[in-house]
Amino acid sequence: MTVSDGIAWIGAHLHSPVSAAVRGMLGGISLTAARGMEADEFLIALGADLDELAARTPYRDLAVPVGQPGRPSPHINPVMYGMCGDWLYVLEDWGAATWSTGYRKVQSMWPYLGQEIVCVTVDRFSPPSKILHVPGDEIARRAEFGQDTGEESALDAALDASGAVFPSIADVGEAAVVAHYEQHGPRLPALVFAAVGAYCGLSIDQEAVRAGTLPGVLLPMP
């Protein structure tokens, strides 16, 4: 999959291992997309350093601090970001999305009225993977992969159109649900990211992400 595939390629590689041979990212990427605010404003709300933002250092050149002898390593994760249309996107491959883990406890991360956030988080340490959506009204909706948010929103319509909304036991029975997951489950992450890409109009260059040439910052663990 290439840039012309939007962001479905992120989902296609969701369960691929993170490889030290890749200078950027490929497997296990979580995505946070935000609009209605300045890009740097959102990154600062996530914990980015002002000087580091100003430097616009390529992700592959970030220097991640390590712990001193006898001291634990600092909980800091390198992330990659960019713009597509009026959306800022943040990519992370440490197992989750910083915004999804911090928005309920870090006040600066919560959006104001008119600010929209779509987050697709792997949640490797607290599965399953999830979709979160704040459509501009300060209320977060969430859904596990295979579901929609239940709001009958344009995002829900995109998820349904892509095939990312799977049947429920209440609707078709357990046997049919099991059969559907066996047949289509491996493609579900790609379908989810395809839907989010279609809703946001996002297209992110896979080769630039893999090479780590997009700008990056270090974010503290929420």
C-alpha atoms as a PDB file:
ATOM      1  CA  MET A   1       0.000   0.000   0.000  1.00  0.00           C
ATOM      2  CA  THR A   2       1.239   3.491  -0.843  1.00  0.00           C
ATOM      3  CA  VAL A   3       0.263   7.079  -0.214  1.00  0.00           C
ATOM      4  CA  SER A   4      -2.609   6.721  -2.679  1.00  0.00           C
ATOM      5  CA  ASP A   5      -4.253   4.292  -0.245  1.00  0.00           C
ATOM      6  CA  GLY A   6      -4.881   7.056   2.303  1.00  0.00           C
ATOM      7  CA  ILE A   7      -4.138   5.552   5.712  1.00  0.00           C
ATOM      8  CA  ALA A   8      -5.490   2.006   5.303  1.00  0.00           C
ATOM      9  CA  TRP A   9      -1.849   0.851   5.232  1.00  0.00           C
ATOM     10  CA  ILE A  10      -1.505   1.816   8.913  1.00  0.00           C
ATOM     11  CA  GLY A  11      -4.217  -0.661   9.804  1.00  0.00           C
ATOM     12  CA  ALA A  12      -2.812  -3.306   7.476  1.00  0.00           C
ATOM     13  CA  HIS A  13       0.415  -3.230   9.523  1.00  0.00           C
ATOM     14  CA  LEU A  14      -1.245  -2.751  12.912  1.00  0.00           C
ATOM     15  CA  HIS A  15      -0.193  -6.155  14.238  1.00  0.00           C
ATOM     16  CA  SER A  16       3.232  -6.163  12.596  1.00  0.00           C
ATOM     17  CA  PRO A  17       6.057  -6.026  15.151  1.00  0.00           C
ATOM     18  CA  VAL A  18       7.876  -2.746  15.685  1.00  0.00           C
ATOM     19  CA  SER A  19      11.222  -3.249  13.925  1.00  0.00           C
ATOM     20  CA  ALA A  20      14.542  -1.665  14.879  1.00  0.00           C
ATOM     21  CA  ALA A  21      15.440  -1.834  11.171  1.00  0.00           C
ATOM     22  CA  VAL A  22      12.804   0.818  10.400  1.00  0.00           C
ATOM     23  CA  ARG A  23      14.095   4.317  11.186  1.00  0.00           C
ATOM     24  CA  GLY A  24      10.572   5.617  11.404  1.00  0.00           C
ATOM     25  CA  MET A  25       7.391   3.607  12.026  1.00  0.00           C
ATOM     26  CA  LEU A  26       5.446   0.846  10.313  1.00  0.00           C
ATOM     27  CA  GLY A  27       3.880  -1.653  12.731  1.00  0.00           C
ATOM     28  CA  GLY A  28       1.592  -0.930  15.667  1.00  0.00           C
ATOM     29  CA  ILE A  29       0.853   2.736  14.872  1.00  0.00           C
ATOM     30  CA  SER A  30      -1.831   4.659  16.777  1.00  0.00           C
ATOM     31  CA  LEU A  31      -3.260   7.802  15.151  1.00  0.00           C
ATOM     32  CA  THR A  32      -4.652  11.000  16.639  1.00  0.00           C
ATOM     33  CA  ALA A  33      -6.083  13.606  14.248  1.00  0.00           C
ATOM     34  CA  ALA A  34      -7.216  17.051  15.403  1.00  0.00           C
ATOM     35  CA  ARG A  35      -8.620  20.178  13.796  1.00  0.00           C
ATOM     36  CA  GLY A  36     -10.104  23.470  14.948  1.00  0.00           C
ATOM     37  CA  MET A  37      -6.934  24.470  16.830  1.00  0.00           C
ATOM     38  CA  GLU A  38      -3.364  25.456  15.989  1.00  0.00           C
ATOM     39  CA  ALA A  39      -1.165  22.428  15.359  1.00  0.00           C
ATOM     40  CA  ASP A  40       1.522  23.500  17.822  1.00  0.00           C
ATOM     41  CA  GLU A  41      -1.164  24.276  20.400  1.00  0.00           C
ATOM     42  CA  PHE A  42      -2.388  20.688  20.295  1.00  0.00           C
ATOM     43  CA  LEU A  43       1.130  19.241  20.446  1.00  0.00           C
ATOM     44  CA  ILE A  44       1.963  21.446  23.434  1.00  0.00           C
ATOM     45  CA  ALA A  45      -1.241  20.248  25.113  1.00  0.00           C
ATOM     46  CA  LEU A  46       0.063  16.692  24.639  1.00  0.00           C
ATOM     47  CA  GLY A  47       3.306  17.685  26.390  1.00  0.00           C
ATOM     48  CA  ALA A  48       5.644  18.733  23.554  1.00  0.00           C
ATOM     49  CA  ASP A  49       8.520  21.095  24.372  1.00  0.00           C
ATOM     50  CA  LEU A  50       8.377  24.545  22.750  1.00  0.00           C
ATOM     51  CA  ASP A  51      12.034  24.563  21.664  1.00  0.00           C
ATOM     52  CA  GLU A  52      11.763  21.053  20.289  1.00  0.00           C
ATOM     53  CA  LEU A  53       8.702  22.039  18.277  1.00  0.00           C
ATOM     54  CA  ALA A  54      10.482  25.067  16.873  1.00  0.00           C
ATOM     55  CA  ALA A  55      13.412  22.892  15.748  1.00  0.00           C
ATOM     56  CA  ARG A  56      11.186  20.699  13.523  1.00  0.00           C
ATOM     57  CA  THR A  57      13.634  17.818  13.965  1.00  0.00           C
ATOM     58  CA  PRO A  58      12.975  14.797  11.737  1.00  0.00           C
ATOM     59  CA  TYR A  59      11.650  11.874  13.765  1.00  0.00           C
ATOM     60  CA  ARG A  60      14.635   9.688  12.867  1.00  0.00           C
ATOM     61  CA  ASP A  61      17.026  12.267  14.356  1.00  0.00           C
ATOM     62  CA  LEU A  62      15.300  12.616  17.731  1.00  0.00           C
ATOM     63  CA  ALA A  63      17.541  11.914  20.709  1.00  0.00           C
ATOM     64  CA  VAL A  64      15.522   9.995  23.283  1.00  0.00           C
ATOM     65  CA  PRO A  65      16.986  10.408  26.796  1.00  0.00           C
ATOM     66  CA  VAL A  66      17.950   7.298  28.718  1.00  0.00           C
ATOM     67  CA  GLY A  67      18.010   6.718  32.439  1.00  0.00           C
ATOM     68  CA  GLN A  68      21.126   7.157  34.534  1.00  0.00           C
ATOM     69  CA  PRO A  69      22.699   4.150  36.298  1.00  0.00           C
ATOM     70  CA  GLY A  70      20.509   3.225  39.234  1.00  0.00           C
ATOM     71  CA  ARG A  71      17.635   5.375  38.012  1.00  0.00           C
ATOM     72  CA  PRO A  72      14.653   4.349  35.898  1.00  0.00           C
ATOM     73  CA  SER A  73      14.459   5.471  32.297  1.00  0.00           C
ATOM     74  CA  PRO A  74      12.186   8.467  31.795  1.00  0.00           C
ATOM     75  CA  HIS A  75       8.732   7.673  30.434  1.00  0.00           C
ATOM     76  CA  ILE A  76       9.087   9.595  27.179  1.00  0.00           C
ATOM     77  CA  ASN A  77       7.918   8.487  23.759  1.00  0.00           C
ATOM     78  CA  PRO A  78       9.007   9.822  20.359  1.00  0.00           C
ATOM     79  CA  VAL A  79       6.074  10.639  18.079  1.00  0.00           C
ATOM     80  CA  MET A  80       5.738  11.796  14.479  1.00  0.00           C
ATOM     81  CA  TYR A  81       3.359  14.444  13.176  1.00  0.00           C
ATOM     82  CA  GLY A  82       2.245  16.272  10.057  1.00  0.00           C
ATOM     83  CA  MET A  83      -0.597  18.169   8.408  1.00  0.00           C
ATOM     84  CA  CYS A  84      -3.120  17.031   5.803  1.00  0.00           C
ATOM     85  CA  GLY A  85      -5.666  19.668   4.871  1.00  0.00           C
ATOM     86  CA  ASP A  86      -6.922  21.218   8.086  1.00  0.00           C
ATOM     87  CA  TRP A  87      -6.049  18.130  10.148  1.00  0.00           C
ATOM     88  CA  LEU A  88      -2.968  17.698  12.321  1.00  0.00           C
ATOM     89  CA  TYR A  89      -2.085  14.033  12.689  1.00  0.00           C
ATOM     90  CA  VAL A  90       0.102  12.450  15.369  1.00  0.00           C
ATOM     91  CA  LEU A  91       1.545   8.952  14.907  1.00  0.00           C
ATOM     92  CA  GLU A  92       2.842   6.791  17.788  1.00  0.00           C
ATOM     93  CA  ASP A  93       4.028   3.187  17.930  1.00  0.00           C
ATOM     94  CA  TRP A  94       4.655   2.646  21.651  1.00  0.00           C
ATOM     95  CA  GLY A  95       1.361   0.793  22.149  1.00  0.00           C
ATOM     96  CA  ALA A  96      -1.299   3.490  22.487  1.00  0.00           C
ATOM     97  CA  ALA A  97      -2.072   7.131  21.699  1.00  0.00           C
ATOM     98  CA  THR A  98      -0.964   9.783  24.178  1.00  0.00           C
ATOM     99  CA  TRP A  99      -4.231  11.685  23.814  1.00  0.00           C
ATOM    100  CA  SER A 100      -6.379   8.611  24.474  1.00  0.00           C
ATOM    101  CA  THR A 101      -4.476   7.734  27.644  1.00  0.00           C
ATOM    102  CA  GLY A 102      -4.341  11.278  28.998  1.00  0.00           C
ATOM    103  CA  TYR A 103      -7.433  13.252  28.020  1.00  0.00           C
ATOM    104  CA  ARG A 104      -9.447  12.230  31.083  1.00  0.00           C
ATOM    105  CA  LYS A 105      -6.747  13.200  33.579  1.00  0.00           C
ATOM    106  CA  VAL A 106      -4.721  15.974  31.889  1.00  0.00           C
ATOM    107  CA  GLN A 107      -6.819  19.119  31.597  1.00  0.00           C
ATOM    108  CA  SER A 108      -4.774  20.621  28.752  1.00  0.00           C
ATOM    109  CA  MET A 109      -5.646  17.707  26.484  1.00  0.00           C
ATOM    110  CA  TRP A 110      -9.388  18.228  26.597  1.00  0.00           C
ATOM    111  CA  PRO A 111     -10.730  20.049  23.506  1.00  0.00           C
ATOM    112  CA  TYR A 112     -12.869  23.168  23.580  1.00  0.00           C
ATOM    113  CA  LEU A 113     -16.098  23.648  21.679  1.00  0.00           C
ATOM    114  CA  GLY A 114     -15.478  23.573  17.951  1.00  0.00           C
ATOM    115  CA  GLN A 115     -12.335  21.451  18.239  1.00  0.00           C
ATOM    116  CA  GLU A 116     -12.591  17.973  16.748  1.00  0.00           C
ATOM    117  CA  ILE A 117     -10.468  14.933  17.574  1.00  0.00           C
ATOM    118  CA  VAL A 118     -10.478  11.468  16.023  1.00  0.00           C
ATOM    119  CA  CYS A 119      -8.216   8.900  17.678  1.00  0.00           C
ATOM    120  CA  VAL A 120      -7.497   5.301  16.701  1.00  0.00           C
ATOM    121  CA  THR A 121      -5.480   3.675  19.479  1.00  0.00           C
ATOM    122  CA  VAL A 122      -3.911   0.220  19.449  1.00  0.00           C
ATOM    123  CA  ASP A 123      -4.178  -0.098  23.253  1.00  0.00           C
ATOM    124  CA  ARG A 124      -1.644  -2.904  23.351  1.00  0.00           C
ATOM    125  CA  PHE A 125      -1.553  -2.826  27.182  1.00  0.00           C
ATOM    126  CA  SER A 126      -5.331  -2.566  27.585  1.00  0.00           C
ATOM    127  CA  PRO A 127      -6.994  -4.211  24.577  1.00  0.00           C
ATOM    128  CA  PRO A 128      -9.084  -4.104  22.502  1.00  0.00           C
ATOM    129  CA  SER A 129      -8.115  -1.410  20.006  1.00  0.00           C
ATOM    130  CA  LYS A 130     -10.504   1.531  20.038  1.00  0.00           C
ATOM    131  CA  ILE A 131     -11.813   4.526  18.101  1.00  0.00           C
ATOM    132  CA  LEU A 132     -12.516   7.764  19.983  1.00  0.00           C
ATOM    133  CA  HIS A 133     -14.291  10.781  18.523  1.00  0.00           C
ATOM    134  CA  VAL A 134     -14.911  14.249  19.937  1.00  0.00           C
ATOM    135  CA  PRO A 135     -16.899  15.918  17.120  1.00  0.00           C
ATOM    136  CA  GLY A 136     -16.609  19.478  18.421  1.00  0.00           C
ATOM    137  CA  ASP A 137     -19.008  19.370  21.359  1.00  0.00           C
ATOM    138  CA  GLU A 138     -16.571  18.342  24.142  1.00  0.00           C
ATOM    139  CA  ILE A 139     -18.151  14.893  24.423  1.00  0.00           C
ATOM    140  CA  ALA A 140     -15.995  11.828  23.688  1.00  0.00           C
ATOM    141  CA  ARG A 141     -17.581   8.871  21.945  1.00  0.00           C
ATOM    142  CA  ARG A 142     -15.776   5.557  21.813  1.00  0.00           C
ATOM    143  CA  ALA A 143     -16.120   2.244  20.056  1.00  0.00           C
ATOM    144  CA  GLU A 144     -14.123  -0.938  19.885  1.00  0.00           C
ATOM    145  CA  PHE A 145     -12.886  -2.097  16.490  1.00  0.00           C
ATOM    146  CA  GLY A 146     -15.821  -3.706  14.709  1.00  0.00           C
ATOM    147  CA  GLN A 147     -18.344  -1.255  16.170  1.00  0.00           C
ATOM    148  CA  ASP A 148     -19.471   2.306  15.526  1.00  0.00           C
ATOM    149  CA  THR A 149     -19.980   4.977  18.188  1.00  0.00           C
ATOM    150  CA  GLY A 150     -23.765   4.723  18.085  1.00  0.00           C
ATOM    151  CA  GLU A 151     -24.172   8.415  17.296  1.00  0.00           C
ATOM    152  CA  GLU A 152     -25.206   7.971  13.638  1.00  0.00           C
ATOM    153  CA  SER A 153     -22.491  10.480  12.772  1.00  0.00           C
ATOM    154  CA  ALA A 154     -20.638  10.971   9.510  1.00  0.00           C
ATOM    155  CA  LEU A 155     -17.758   8.993  11.036  1.00  0.00           C
ATOM    156  CA  ASP A 156     -20.133   6.136  11.847  1.00  0.00           C
ATOM    157  CA  ALA A 157     -21.384   6.251   8.256  1.00  0.00           C
ATOM    158  CA  ALA A 158     -17.795   6.026   6.995  1.00  0.00           C
ATOM    159  CA  LEU A 159     -17.106   3.040   9.265  1.00  0.00           C
ATOM    160  CA  ASP A 160     -20.226   1.297   7.989  1.00  0.00           C
ATOM    161  CA  ALA A 161     -19.425   2.091   4.342  1.00  0.00           C
ATOM    162  CA  SER A 162     -15.929   0.629   4.656  1.00  0.00           C
ATOM    163  CA  GLY A 163     -17.176  -2.620   6.172  1.00  0.00           C
ATOM    164  CA  ALA A 164     -15.623  -1.817   9.564  1.00  0.00           C
ATOM    165  CA  VAL A 165     -18.909  -2.307  11.470  1.00  0.00           C
ATOM    166  CA  PHE A 166     -19.342  -6.021  12.101  1.00  0.00           C
ATOM    167  CA  PRO A 167     -22.689  -7.697  12.910  1.00  0.00           C
ATOM    168  CA  SER A 168     -23.660  -8.176  16.540  1.00  0.00           C
ATOM    169  CA  ILE A 169     -24.860 -11.313  18.293  1.00  0.00           C
ATOM    170  CA  ALA A 170     -28.154  -9.584  19.079  1.00  0.00           C
ATOM    171  CA  ASP A 171     -28.764  -9.032  15.365  1.00  0.00           C
ATOM    172  CA  VAL A 172     -27.565 -12.232  13.695  1.00  0.00           C
ATOM    173  CA  GLY A 173     -26.681 -14.733  16.421  1.00  0.00           C
ATOM    174  CA  GLU A 174     -23.375 -15.993  17.792  1.00  0.00           C
ATOM    175  CA  ALA A 175     -22.553 -18.446  15.011  1.00  0.00           C
ATOM    176  CA  ALA A 176     -22.904 -15.816  12.286  1.00  0.00           C
ATOM    177  CA  VAL A 177     -20.782 -13.330  14.249  1.00  0.00           C
ATOM    178  CA  VAL A 178     -18.036 -15.916  14.787  1.00  0.00           C
ATOM    179  CA  ALA A 179     -18.073 -16.800  11.099  1.00  0.00           C
ATOM    180  CA  HIS A 180     -17.901 -13.124  10.099  1.00  0.00           C
ATOM    181  CA  TYR A 181     -14.921 -12.459  12.384  1.00  0.00           C
ATOM    182  CA  GLU A 182     -13.129 -15.549  11.107  1.00  0.00           C
ATOM    183  CA  GLN A 183     -13.570 -14.393   7.514  1.00  0.00           C
ATOM    184  CA  HIS A 184     -13.103 -10.634   7.850  1.00  0.00           C
ATOM    185  CA  GLY A 185     -11.367 -10.124  11.203  1.00  0.00           C
ATOM    186  CA  PRO A 186      -7.796 -10.007   9.820  1.00  0.00           C
ATOM    187  CA  ARG A 187      -8.777  -7.052   7.586  1.00  0.00           C
ATOM    188  CA  LEU A 188     -10.625  -5.148  10.331  1.00  0.00           C
ATOM    189  CA  PRO A 189      -7.779  -2.752  11.302  1.00  0.00           C
ATOM    190  CA  ALA A 190      -7.266  -1.763   7.658  1.00  0.00           C
ATOM    191  CA  LEU A 191     -11.016  -1.201   7.272  1.00  0.00           C
ATOM    192  CA  VAL A 192     -11.089   1.008  10.379  1.00  0.00           C
ATOM    193  CA  PHE A 193      -8.182   3.156   9.226  1.00  0.00           C
ATOM    194  CA  ALA A 194      -9.640   3.349   5.717  1.00  0.00           C
ATOM    195  CA  ALA A 195     -12.881   4.681   7.202  1.00  0.00           C
ATOM    196  CA  VAL A 196     -11.117   7.246   9.389  1.00  0.00           C
ATOM    197  CA  GLY A 197      -9.013   8.310   6.422  1.00  0.00           C
ATOM    198  CA  ALA A 198     -12.126   8.732   4.287  1.00  0.00           C
ATOM    199  CA  TYR A 199     -13.926  10.729   6.990  1.00  0.00           C
ATOM    200  CA  CYS A 200     -10.981  13.069   7.629  1.00  0.00           C
ATOM    201  CA  GLY A 201      -9.687  13.132   4.061  1.00  0.00           C
ATOM    202  CA  LEU A 202      -6.320  11.955   5.373  1.00  0.00           C
ATOM    203  CA  SER A 203      -3.528  10.681   3.155  1.00  0.00           C
ATOM    204  CA  ILE A 204      -0.192   9.945   4.832  1.00  0.00           C
ATOM    205  CA  ASP A 205       2.888   8.872   2.896  1.00  0.00           C
ATOM    206  CA  GLN A 206       3.872   5.391   4.061  1.00  0.00           C
ATOM    207  CA  GLU A 207       7.469   5.734   2.865  1.00  0.00           C
ATOM    208  CA  ALA A 208       7.973   9.043   4.712  1.00  0.00           C
ATOM    209  CA  VAL A 209       6.616   7.478   7.905  1.00  0.00           C
ATOM    210  CA  ARG A 210       8.752   4.374   7.492  1.00  0.00           C
ATOM    211  CA  ALA A 211      11.871   6.474   6.833  1.00  0.00           C
ATOM    212  CA  GLY A 212      11.156   8.813   9.750  1.00  0.00           C
ATOM    213  CA  THR A 213      11.522  11.968   7.668  1.00  0.00           C
ATOM    214  CA  LEU A 214       8.411  13.670   9.091  1.00  0.00           C
ATOM    215  CA  PRO A 215       8.993  15.993  12.066  1.00  0.00           C
ATOM    216  CA  GLY A 216       8.942  14.452  15.512  1.00  0.00           C
ATOM    217  CA  VAL A 217       8.771  15.436  19.170  1.00  0.00           C
ATOM    218  CA  LEU A 218       9.158  13.685  22.494  1.00  0.00           C
ATOM    219  CA  LEU A 219       6.016  13.362  24.614  1.00  0.00           C
ATOM    220  CA  PRO A 220       5.912  12.387  28.291  1.00  0.00           C
ATOM    221  CA  MET A 221       3.771   9.437  29.285  1.00  0.00           C
ATOM    222  CA  PRO A 222       0.466  10.815  30.644  1.00  0.00           C
END
